[in-house]
All heavy atoms as atom14 arrays in JSON, in Angstrom:
{
  "sequence": "TFVALFFNLLTLLSVKNKPFAYVSEAASSSWLQEHVADLSR",
  "atom14_mask": [
    [1, 1, 1, 1, 1, 1, 1, 0, 0, 0, 0, 0, 0, 0],
    [1, 1, 1, 1, 1, 1, 1, 1, 1, 1, 1, 0, 0, 0],
    [1, 1, 1, 1, 1, 1, 1, 0, 0, 0, 0, 0, 0, 0],
    [1, 1, 1, 1, 1, 0, 0, 0, 0, 0, 0, 0, 0, 0],
    [1, 1, 1, 1, 1, 1, 1, 1, 0, 0, 0, 0, 0, 0],
    [1, 1, 1, 1, 1, 1, 1, 1, 1, 1, 1, 0, 0, 0],
    [1, 1, 1, 1, 1, 1, 1, 1, 1, 1, 1, 0, 0, 0],
    [1, 1, 1, 1, 1, 1, 1, 1, 0, 0, 0, 0, 0, 0],
    [1, 1, 1, 1, 1, 1, 1, 1, 0, 0, 0, 0, 0, 0],
    [1, 1, 1, 1, 1, 1, 1, 1, 0, 0, 0, 0, 0, 0],
    [1, 1, 1, 1, 1, 1, 1, 0, 0, 0, 0, 0, 0, 0],
    [1, 1, 1, 1, 1, 1, 1, 1, 0, 0, 0, 0, 0, 0],
    [1, 1, 1, 1, 1, 1, 1, 1, 0, 0, 0, 0, 0, 0],
    [1, 1, 1, 1, 1, 1, 0, 0, 0, 0, 0, 0, 0, 0],
    [1, 1, 1, 1, 1, 1, 1, 0, 0, 0, 0, 0, 0, 0],
    [1, 1, 1, 1, 1, 1, 1, 1, 1, 0, 0, 0, 0, 0],
    [1, 1, 1, 1, 1, 1, 1, 1, 0, 0, 0, 0, 0, 0],
    [1, 1, 1, 1, 1, 1, 1, 1, 1, 0, 0, 0, 0, 0],
    [1, 1, 1, 1, 1, 1, 1, 0, 0, 0, 0, 0, 0, 0],
    [1, 1, 1, 1, 1, 1, 1, 1, 1, 1, 1, 0, 0, 0],
    [1, 1, 1, 1, 1, 0, 0, 0, 0, 0, 0, 0, 0, 0],
    [1, 1, 1, 1, 1, 1, 1, 1, 1, 1, 1, 1, 0, 0],
    [1, 1, 1, 1, 1, 1, 1, 0, 0, 0, 0, 0, 0, 0],
    [1, 1, 1, 1, 1, 1, 0, 0, 0, 0, 0, 0, 0, 0],
    [1, 1, 1, 1, 1, 1, 1, 1, 1, 0, 0, 0, 0, 0],
    [1, 1, 1, 1, 1, 0, 0, 0, 0, 0, 0, 0, 0, 0],
    [1, 1, 1, 1, 1, 0, 0, 0, 0, 0, 0, 0, 0, 0],
    [1, 1, 1, 1, 1, 1, 0, 0, 0, 0, 0, 0, 0, 0],
    [1, 1, 1, 1, 1, 1, 0, 0, 0, 0, 0, 0, 0, 0],
    [1, 1, 1, 1, 1, 1, 0, 0, 0, 0, 0, 0, 0, 0],
    [1, 1, 1, 1, 1, 1, 1, 1, 1, 1, 1, 1, 1, 1],
    [1, 1, 1, 1, 1, 1, 1, 1, 0, 0, 0, 0, 0, 0],
    [1, 1, 1, 1, 1, 1, 1, 1, 1, 0, 0, 0, 0, 0],
    [1, 1, 1, 1, 1, 1, 1, 1, 1, 0, 0, 0, 0, 0],
    [1, 1, 1, 1, 1, 1, 1, 1, 1, 1, 0, 0, 0, 0],
    [1, 1, 1, 1, 1, 1, 1, 0, 0, 0, 0, 0, 0, 0],
    [1, 1, 1, 1, 1, 0, 0, 0, 0, 0, 0, 0, 0, 0],
    [1, 1, 1, 1, 1, 1, 1, 1, 0, 0, 0, 0, 0, 0],
    [1, 1, 1, 1, 1, 1, 1, 1, 0, 0, 0, 0, 0, 0],
    [1, 1, 1, 1, 1, 1, 0, 0, 0, 0, 0, 0, 0, 0],
    [1, 1, 1, 1, 1, 1, 1, 1, 1, 1, 1, 0, 0, 0]
  ],
  "atom14_positions": [
    [[0.83, -1.21, 0.0], [0.0, 0.0, 0.0], [0.86, 1.25, 0.0], [0.64, 2.18, -0.78], [-0.92, -0.01, 1.22], [-1.76, -1.16, 1.18], [-1.77, 1.24, 1.28], [0.0, 0.0, 0.0], [0.0, 0.0, 0.0], [0.0, 0.0, 0.0], [0.0, 0.0, 0.0], [0.0, 0.0, 0.0], [0.0, 0.0, 0.0], [0.0, 0.0, 0.0]],
    [[1.88, 1.31, 0.85], [2.71, 2.51, 0.94], [3.61, 2.66, -0.27], [3.89, 3.79, -0.71], [3.52, 2.5, 2.23], [2.71, 2.82, 3.44], [2.39, 1.84, 4.37], [2.26, 4.12, 3.68], [1.64, 2.13, 5.49], [1.5, 4.42, 4.8], [1.19, 3.43, 5.71], [0.0, 0.0, 0.0], [0.0, 0.0, 0.0], [0.0, 0.0, 0.0]],
    [[4.07, 1.56, -0.83], [4.9, 1.65, -2.05], [4.05, 2.2, -3.22], [4.51, 3.09, -3.95], [5.49, 0.26, -2.38], [6.13, 0.28, -3.77], [6.52, -0.13, -1.34], [0.0, 0.0, 0.0], [0.0, 0.0, 0.0], [0.0, 0.0, 0.0], [0.0, 0.0, 0.0], [0.0, 0.0, 0.0], [0.0, 0.0, 0.0], [0.0, 0.0, 0.0]],
    [[2.84, 1.7, -3.37], [1.98, 2.19, -4.44], [1.61, 3.66, -4.22], [1.58, 4.46, -5.17], [0.72, 1.34, -4.52], [0.0, 0.0, 0.0], [0.0, 0.0, 0.0], [0.0, 0.0, 0.0], [0.0, 0.0, 0.0], [0.0, 0.0, 0.0], [0.0, 0.0, 0.0], [0.0, 0.0, 0.0], [0.0, 0.0, 0.0], [0.0, 0.0, 0.0]],
    [[1.33, 4.05, -2.98], [0.99, 5.44, -2.7], [2.16, 6.37, -3.0], [1.97, 7.46, -3.56], [0.58, 5.58, -1.23], [0.25, 6.99, -0.74], [-0.95, 7.57, -1.5], [-0.01, 7.0, 0.76], [0.0, 0.0, 0.0], [0.0, 0.0, 0.0], [0.0, 0.0, 0.0], [0.0, 0.0, 0.0], [0.0, 0.0, 0.0], [0.0, 0.0, 0.0]],
    [[3.38, 5.93, -2.67], [4.55, 6.76, -2.91], [4.74, 7.01, -4.41], [4.94, 8.16, -4.84], [5.79, 6.09, -2.32], [7.07, 6.79, -2.65], [7.43, 7.97, -2.03], [7.93, 6.25, -3.62], [8.61, 8.62, -2.36], [9.11, 6.89, -3.95], [9.45, 8.07, -3.32], [0.0, 0.0, 0.0], [0.0, 0.0, 0.0], [0.0, 0.0, 0.0]],
    [[4.68, 5.97, -5.2], [4.9, 6.14, -6.64], [3.74, 6.9, -7.3], [3.97, 7.66, -8.25], [5.09, 4.77, -7.3], [6.48, 4.22, -7.14], [6.74, 3.19, -6.25], [7.53, 4.73, -7.88], [8.02, 2.69, -6.1], [8.81, 4.23, -7.74], [9.06, 3.22, -6.84], [0.0, 0.0, 0.0], [0.0, 0.0, 0.0], [0.0, 0.0, 0.0]],
    [[2.56, 6.69, -6.82], [1.42, 7.43, -7.4], [1.54, 8.94, -7.15], [1.35, 9.75, -8.06], [0.11, 6.91, -6.82], [-0.23, 5.53, -7.3], [0.35, 5.04, -8.27], [-1.16, 4.87, -6.64], [0.0, 0.0, 0.0], [0.0, 0.0, 0.0], [0.0, 0.0, 0.0], [0.0, 0.0, 0.0], [0.0, 0.0, 0.0], [0.0, 0.0, 0.0]],
    [[1.84, 9.3, -5.9], [1.99, 10.73, -5.6], [3.2, 11.33, -6.29], [3.18, 12.49, -6.72], [2.1, 10.92, -4.08], [0.85, 10.58, -3.27], [1.1, 10.8, -1.79], [-0.35, 11.4, -3.75], [0.0, 0.0, 0.0], [0.0, 0.0, 0.0], [0.0, 0.0, 0.0], [0.0, 0.0, 0.0], [0.0, 0.0, 0.0], [0.0, 0.0, 0.0]],
    [[4.27, 10.54, -6.41], [5.46, 11.03, -7.11], [5.15, 11.31, -8.59], [5.59, 12.32, -9.15], [6.59, 10.01, -6.99], [7.92, 10.38, -7.67], [8.55, 11.61, -7.0], [8.89, 9.2, -7.63], [0.0, 0.0, 0.0], [0.0, 0.0, 0.0], [0.0, 0.0, 0.0], [0.0, 0.0, 0.0], [0.0, 0.0, 0.0], [0.0, 0.0, 0.0]],
    [[4.37, 10.43, -9.2], [4.03, 10.62, -10.61], [3.1, 11.81, -10.8], [3.24, 12.59, -11.75], [3.36, 9.35, -11.15], [4.22, 8.23, -10.94], [3.05, 9.48, -12.63], [0.0, 0.0, 0.0], [0.0, 0.0, 0.0], [0.0, 0.0, 0.0], [0.0, 0.0, 0.0], [0.0, 0.0, 0.0], [0.0, 0.0, 0.0], [0.0, 0.0, 0.0]],
    [[2.13, 11.98, -9.9], [1.14, 13.04, -10.06], [1.71, 14.42, -9.76], [1.34, 15.4, -10.41], [-0.06, 12.77, -9.15], [-0.91, 11.55, -9.5], [-1.95, 11.31, -8.42], [-1.58, 11.74, -10.85], [0.0, 0.0, 0.0], [0.0, 0.0, 0.0], [0.0, 0.0, 0.0], [0.0, 0.0, 0.0], [0.0, 0.0, 0.0], [0.0, 0.0, 0.0]],
    [[2.58, 14.52, -8.78], [3.06, 15.82, -8.32], [4.36, 16.26, -8.98], [4.63, 17.48, -9.04], [3.24, 15.81, -6.8], [1.97, 15.52, -5.99], [2.27, 15.5, -4.49], [0.88, 16.53, -6.31], [0.0, 0.0, 0.0], [0.0, 0.0, 0.0], [0.0, 0.0, 0.0], [0.0, 0.0, 0.0], [0.0, 0.0, 0.0], [0.0, 0.0, 0.0]],
    [[5.16, 15.33, -9.46], [6.45, 15.71, -10.04], [6.36, 16.0, -11.54], [7.19, 16.74, -12.07], [7.49, 14.6, -9.81], [7.09, 13.39, -10.46], [0.0, 0.0, 0.0], [0.0, 0.0, 0.0], [0.0, 0.0, 0.0], [0.0, 0.0, 0.0], [0.0, 0.0, 0.0], [0.0, 0.0, 0.0], [0.0, 0.0, 0.0], [0.0, 0.0, 0.0]],
    [[5.39, 15.44, -12.21], [5.25, 15.63, -13.66], [4.1, 16.59, -13.92], [3.0, 16.42, -13.36], [4.99, 14.28, -14.36], [4.82, 14.49, -15.87], [6.13, 13.31, -14.09], [0.0, 0.0, 0.0], [0.0, 0.0, 0.0], [0.0, 0.0, 0.0], [0.0, 0.0, 0.0], [0.0, 0.0, 0.0], [0.0, 0.0, 0.0], [0.0, 0.0, 0.0]],
    [[4.37, 17.6, -14.75], [3.33, 18.56, -15.11], [2.54, 17.99, -16.29], [2.98, 18.06, -17.46], [3.96, 19.9, -15.47], [2.93, 20.99, -15.72], [3.61, 22.32, -16.04], [2.57, 23.41, -16.29], [3.22, 24.71, -16.61], [0.0, 0.0, 0.0], [0.0, 0.0, 0.0], [0.0, 0.0, 0.0], [0.0, 0.0, 0.0], [0.0, 0.0, 0.0]],
    [[1.41, 17.43, -15.98], [0.57, 16.81, -17.0], [-0.52, 17.81, -17.41], [-1.53, 17.98, -16.71], [-0.06, 15.52, -16.45], [-0.56, 14.61, -17.55], [-0.95, 15.08, -18.61], [-0.54, 13.32, -17.31], [0.0, 0.0, 0.0], [0.0, 0.0, 0.0], [0.0, 0.0, 0.0], [0.0, 0.0, 0.0], [0.0, 0.0, 0.0], [0.0, 0.0, 0.0]],
    [[-0.29, 18.48, -18.52], [-1.2, 19.53, -18.94], [-2.6, 19.03, -19.27], [-3.6, 19.63, -18.83], [-0.6, 20.27, -20.14], [-1.49, 21.35, -20.72], [-0.86, 21.96, -21.96], [-1.81, 22.96, -22.62], [-1.22, 23.53, -23.86], [0.0, 0.0, 0.0], [0.0, 0.0, 0.0], [0.0, 0.0, 0.0], [0.0, 0.0, 0.0], [0.0, 0.0, 0.0]],
    [[-2.79, 17.93, -20.04], [-4.16, 17.5, -20.37], [-4.98, 17.12, -19.15], [-6.14, 17.56, -19.0], [-3.94, 16.3, -21.29], [-2.58, 16.49, -21.87], [-1.8, 17.13, -20.78], [0.0, 0.0, 0.0], [0.0, 0.0, 0.0], [0.0, 0.0, 0.0], [0.0, 0.0, 0.0], [0.0, 0.0, 0.0], [0.0, 0.0, 0.0], [0.0, 0.0, 0.0]],
    [[-4.43, 16.32, -18.23], [-5.2, 15.89, -17.06], [-5.41, 17.05, -16.08], [-6.43, 17.08, -15.37], [-4.5, 14.72, -16.36], [-4.83, 13.4, -16.96], [-3.95, 12.75, -17.8], [-6.05, 12.78, -16.7], [-4.25, 11.53, -18.35], [-6.37, 11.56, -17.26], [-5.46, 10.93, -18.09], [0.0, 0.0, 0.0], [0.0, 0.0, 0.0], [0.0, 0.0, 0.0]],
    [[-4.47, 17.99, -16.02], [-4.67, 19.15, -15.16], [-5.84, 20.0, -15.66], [-6.65, 20.5, -14.87], [-3.39, 19.98, -15.1], [0.0, 0.0, 0.0], [0.0, 0.0, 0.0], [0.0, 0.0, 0.0], [0.0, 0.0, 0.0], [0.0, 0.0, 0.0], [0.0, 0.0, 0.0], [0.0, 0.0, 0.0], [0.0, 0.0, 0.0], [0.0, 0.0, 0.0]],
    [[-5.94, 20.16, -16.98], [-7.05, 20.92, -17.54], [-8.37, 20.2, -17.32], [-9.39, 20.83, -16.97], [-6.79, 21.17, -19.02], [-7.85, 22.02, -19.68], [-7.75, 23.41, -19.69], [-8.96, 21.44, -20.3], [-8.72, 24.2, -20.28], [-9.93, 22.22, -20.9], [-9.81, 23.59, -20.89], [-10.78, 24.37, -21.47], [0.0, 0.0, 0.0], [0.0, 0.0, 0.0]],
    [[-8.39, 18.89, -17.56], [-9.64, 18.14, -17.42], [-10.11, 18.13, -15.97], [-11.31, 18.25, -15.68], [-9.45, 16.71, -17.96], [-10.66, 15.85, -17.65], [-9.21, 16.74, -19.45], [0.0, 0.0, 0.0], [0.0, 0.0, 0.0], [0.0, 0.0, 0.0], [0.0, 0.0, 0.0], [0.0, 0.0, 0.0], [0.0, 0.0, 0.0], [0.0, 0.0, 0.0]],
    [[-9.2, 17.99, -15.04], [-9.59, 17.96, -13.63], [-10.2, 19.28, -13.17], [-11.03, 19.29, -12.25], [-8.37, 17.62, -12.77], [-7.36, 18.61, -12.91], [0.0, 0.0, 0.0], [0.0, 0.0, 0.0], [0.0, 0.0, 0.0], [0.0, 0.0, 0.0], [0.0, 0.0, 0.0], [0.0, 0.0, 0.0], [0.0, 0.0, 0.0], [0.0, 0.0, 0.0]],
    [[-9.82, 20.38, -13.8], [-10.39, 21.67, -13.43], [-11.68, 21.98, -14.2], [-12.59, 22.61, -13.66], [-9.37, 22.78, -13.69], [-8.13, 22.69, -12.8], [-7.11, 23.77, -13.13], [-7.4, 24.55, -14.07], [-6.06, 23.82, -12.48], [0.0, 0.0, 0.0], [0.0, 0.0, 0.0], [0.0, 0.0, 0.0], [0.0, 0.0, 0.0], [0.0, 0.0, 0.0]],
    [[-11.74, 21.56, -15.47], [-12.9, 21.9, -16.29], [-14.07, 20.95, -16.09], [-15.23, 21.36, -16.23], [-12.5, 21.91, -17.77], [0.0, 0.0, 0.0], [0.0, 0.0, 0.0], [0.0, 0.0, 0.0], [0.0, 0.0, 0.0], [0.0, 0.0, 0.0], [0.0, 0.0, 0.0], [0.0, 0.0, 0.0], [0.0, 0.0, 0.0], [0.0, 0.0, 0.0]],
    [[-13.8, 19.68, -15.75], [-14.88, 18.72, -15.58], [-15.63, 18.98, -14.27], [-15.13, 19.67, -13.36], [-14.34, 17.3, -15.6], [0.0, 0.0, 0.0], [0.0, 0.0, 0.0], [0.0, 0.0, 0.0], [0.0, 0.0, 0.0], [0.0, 0.0, 0.0], [0.0, 0.0, 0.0], [0.0, 0.0, 0.0], [0.0, 0.0, 0.0], [0.0, 0.0, 0.0]],
    [[-16.82, 18.44, -14.21], [-17.62, 18.6, -13.0], [-17.04, 17.78, -11.86], [-16.29, 16.82, -12.07], [-19.07, 18.16, -13.27], [-19.1, 16.8, -13.71], [0.0, 0.0, 0.0], [0.0, 0.0, 0.0], [0.0, 0.0, 0.0], [0.0, 0.0, 0.0], [0.0, 0.0, 0.0], [0.0, 0.0, 0.0], [0.0, 0.0, 0.0], [0.0, 0.0, 0.0]],
    [[-17.39, 18.14, -10.64], [-16.85, 17.47, -9.47], [-17.47, 16.09, -9.3], [-18.64, 15.86, -9.63], [-17.11, 18.3, -8.21], [-16.54, 19.59, -8.34], [0.0, 0.0, 0.0], [0.0, 0.0, 0.0], [0.0, 0.0, 0.0], [0.0, 0.0, 0.0], [0.0, 0.0, 0.0], [0.0, 0.0, 0.0], [0.0, 0.0, 0.0], [0.0, 0.0, 0.0]],
    [[-16.69, 15.16, -8.8], [-17.19, 13.83, -8.49], [-17.87, 13.84, -7.12], [-17.74, 14.79, -6.34], [-16.05, 12.81, -8.53], [-15.08, 13.13, -7.54], [0.0, 0.0, 0.0], [0.0, 0.0, 0.0], [0.0, 0.0, 0.0], [0.0, 0.0, 0.0], [0.0, 0.0, 0.0], [0.0, 0.0, 0.0], [0.0, 0.0, 0.0], [0.0, 0.0, 0.0]],
    [[-18.58, 12.75, -6.84], [-19.27, 12.69, -5.55], [-18.27, 12.62, -4.39], [-18.54, 13.12, -3.31], [-20.19, 11.47, -5.5], [-19.49, 10.15, -5.65], [-19.2, 9.48, -6.79], [-18.98, 9.34, -4.58], [-18.55, 8.31, -6.53], [-18.41, 8.19, -5.17], [-18.96, 9.46, -3.2], [-17.81, 7.18, -4.43], [-18.37, 8.46, -2.45], [-17.81, 7.33, -3.07]],
    [[-17.09, 12.05, -4.63], [-16.07, 12.02, -3.58], [-15.53, 13.42, -3.3], [-15.33, 13.8, -2.13], [-14.93, 11.09, -4.01], [-13.8, 10.89, -3.0], [-14.3, 10.27, -1.72], [-12.69, 10.02, -3.61], [0.0, 0.0, 0.0], [0.0, 0.0, 0.0], [0.0, 0.0, 0.0], [0.0, 0.0, 0.0], [0.0, 0.0, 0.0], [0.0, 0.0, 0.0]],
    [[-15.34, 14.21, -4.35], [-14.88, 15.58, -4.15], [-15.92, 16.42, -3.42], [-15.55, 17.28, -2.59], [-14.55, 16.22, -5.5], [-13.25, 15.75, -6.13], [-12.98, 16.44, -7.44], [-13.71, 16.23, -8.42], [-11.97, 17.28, -7.48], [0.0, 0.0, 0.0], [0.0, 0.0, 0.0], [0.0, 0.0, 0.0], [0.0, 0.0, 0.0], [0.0, 0.0, 0.0]],
    [[-17.19, 16.2, -3.72], [-18.23, 16.98, -3.07], [-18.28, 16.69, -1.57], [-18.39, 17.61, -0.74], [-19.59, 16.66, -3.71], [-19.71, 17.12, -5.15], [-19.69, 18.63, -5.28], [-20.01, 19.33, -4.28], [-19.35, 19.13, -6.37], [0.0, 0.0, 0.0], [0.0, 0.0, 0.0], [0.0, 0.0, 0.0], [0.0, 0.0, 0.0], [0.0, 0.0, 0.0]],
    [[-18.19, 15.41, -1.19], [-18.23, 15.07, 0.24], [-16.99, 15.58, 0.96], [-17.08, 16.07, 2.1], [-18.35, 13.55, 0.41], [-19.7, 13.02, 0.03], [-20.85, 13.31, 0.74], [-20.08, 12.2, -0.99], [-21.89, 12.71, 0.17], [-21.45, 12.02, -0.88], [0.0, 0.0, 0.0], [0.0, 0.0, 0.0], [0.0, 0.0, 0.0], [0.0, 0.0, 0.0]],
    [[-15.82, 15.46, 0.33], [-14.6, 15.95, 0.97], [-14.63, 17.48, 1.07], [-14.12, 18.05, 2.04], [-13.37, 15.46, 0.19], [-12.09, 16.09, 0.72], [-13.26, 13.94, 0.27], [0.0, 0.0, 0.0], [0.0, 0.0, 0.0], [0.0, 0.0, 0.0], [0.0, 0.0, 0.0], [0.0, 0.0, 0.0], [0.0, 0.0, 0.0], [0.0, 0.0, 0.0]],
    [[-15.24, 18.15, 0.08], [-15.32, 19.61, 0.15], [-16.2, 20.06, 1.32], [-15.89, 21.06, 1.99], [-15.88, 20.15, -1.17], [0.0, 0.0, 0.0], [0.0, 0.0, 0.0], [0.0, 0.0, 0.0], [0.0, 0.0, 0.0], [0.0, 0.0, 0.0], [0.0, 0.0, 0.0], [0.0, 0.0, 0.0], [0.0, 0.0, 0.0], [0.0, 0.0, 0.0]],
    [[-17.27, 19.32, 1.61], [-18.11, 19.65, 2.77], [-17.33, 19.49, 4.08], [-17.41, 20.35, 4.98], [-19.35, 18.77, 2.78], [-20.27, 19.04, 1.6], [-20.17, 20.15, 1.03], [-21.06, 18.15, 1.23], [0.0, 0.0, 0.0], [0.0, 0.0, 0.0], [0.0, 0.0, 0.0], [0.0, 0.0, 0.0], [0.0, 0.0, 0.0], [0.0, 0.0, 0.0]],
    [[-16.57, 18.41, 4.17], [-15.75, 18.22, 5.37], [-14.65, 19.27, 5.46], [-14.3, 19.73, 6.57], [-15.14, 16.82, 5.37], [-16.13, 15.64, 5.46], [-15.39, 14.31, 5.34], [-16.91, 15.71, 6.76], [0.0, 0.0, 0.0], [0.0, 0.0, 0.0], [0.0, 0.0, 0.0], [0.0, 0.0, 0.0], [0.0, 0.0, 0.0], [0.0, 0.0, 0.0]],
    [[-14.1, 19.67, 4.31], [-13.03, 20.66, 4.32], [-13.53, 22.02, 4.78], [-12.81, 22.76, 5.49], [-12.41, 20.77, 2.92], [-11.87, 19.52, 2.52], [0.0, 0.0, 0.0], [0.0, 0.0, 0.0], [0.0, 0.0, 0.0], [0.0, 0.0, 0.0], [0.0, 0.0, 0.0], [0.0, 0.0, 0.0], [0.0, 0.0, 0.0], [0.0, 0.0, 0.0]],
    [[-14.76, 22.37, 4.41], [-15.3, 23.66, 4.86], [-15.47, 23.69, 6.38], [-15.2, 24.7, 7.03], [-16.63, 23.93, 4.17], [-16.54, 24.17, 2.67], [-17.87, 24.62, 2.1], [-17.83, 24.7, 0.64], [-18.18, 23.74, -0.18], [-18.64, 22.58, 0.33], [-18.11, 23.89, -1.49], [0.0, 0.0, 0.0], [0.0, 0.0, 0.0], [0.0, 0.0, 0.0]]
  ]
}
């Protein structure tokens, strides 16, 4: 679990992925994002 989490975060945060960064901002929020946003507020 920790090995997979390390490599996943390293790939997402170290590489500037322009297409997925644009899609993640332009697309609508998922139900997981909505629930986490309520907890974050």
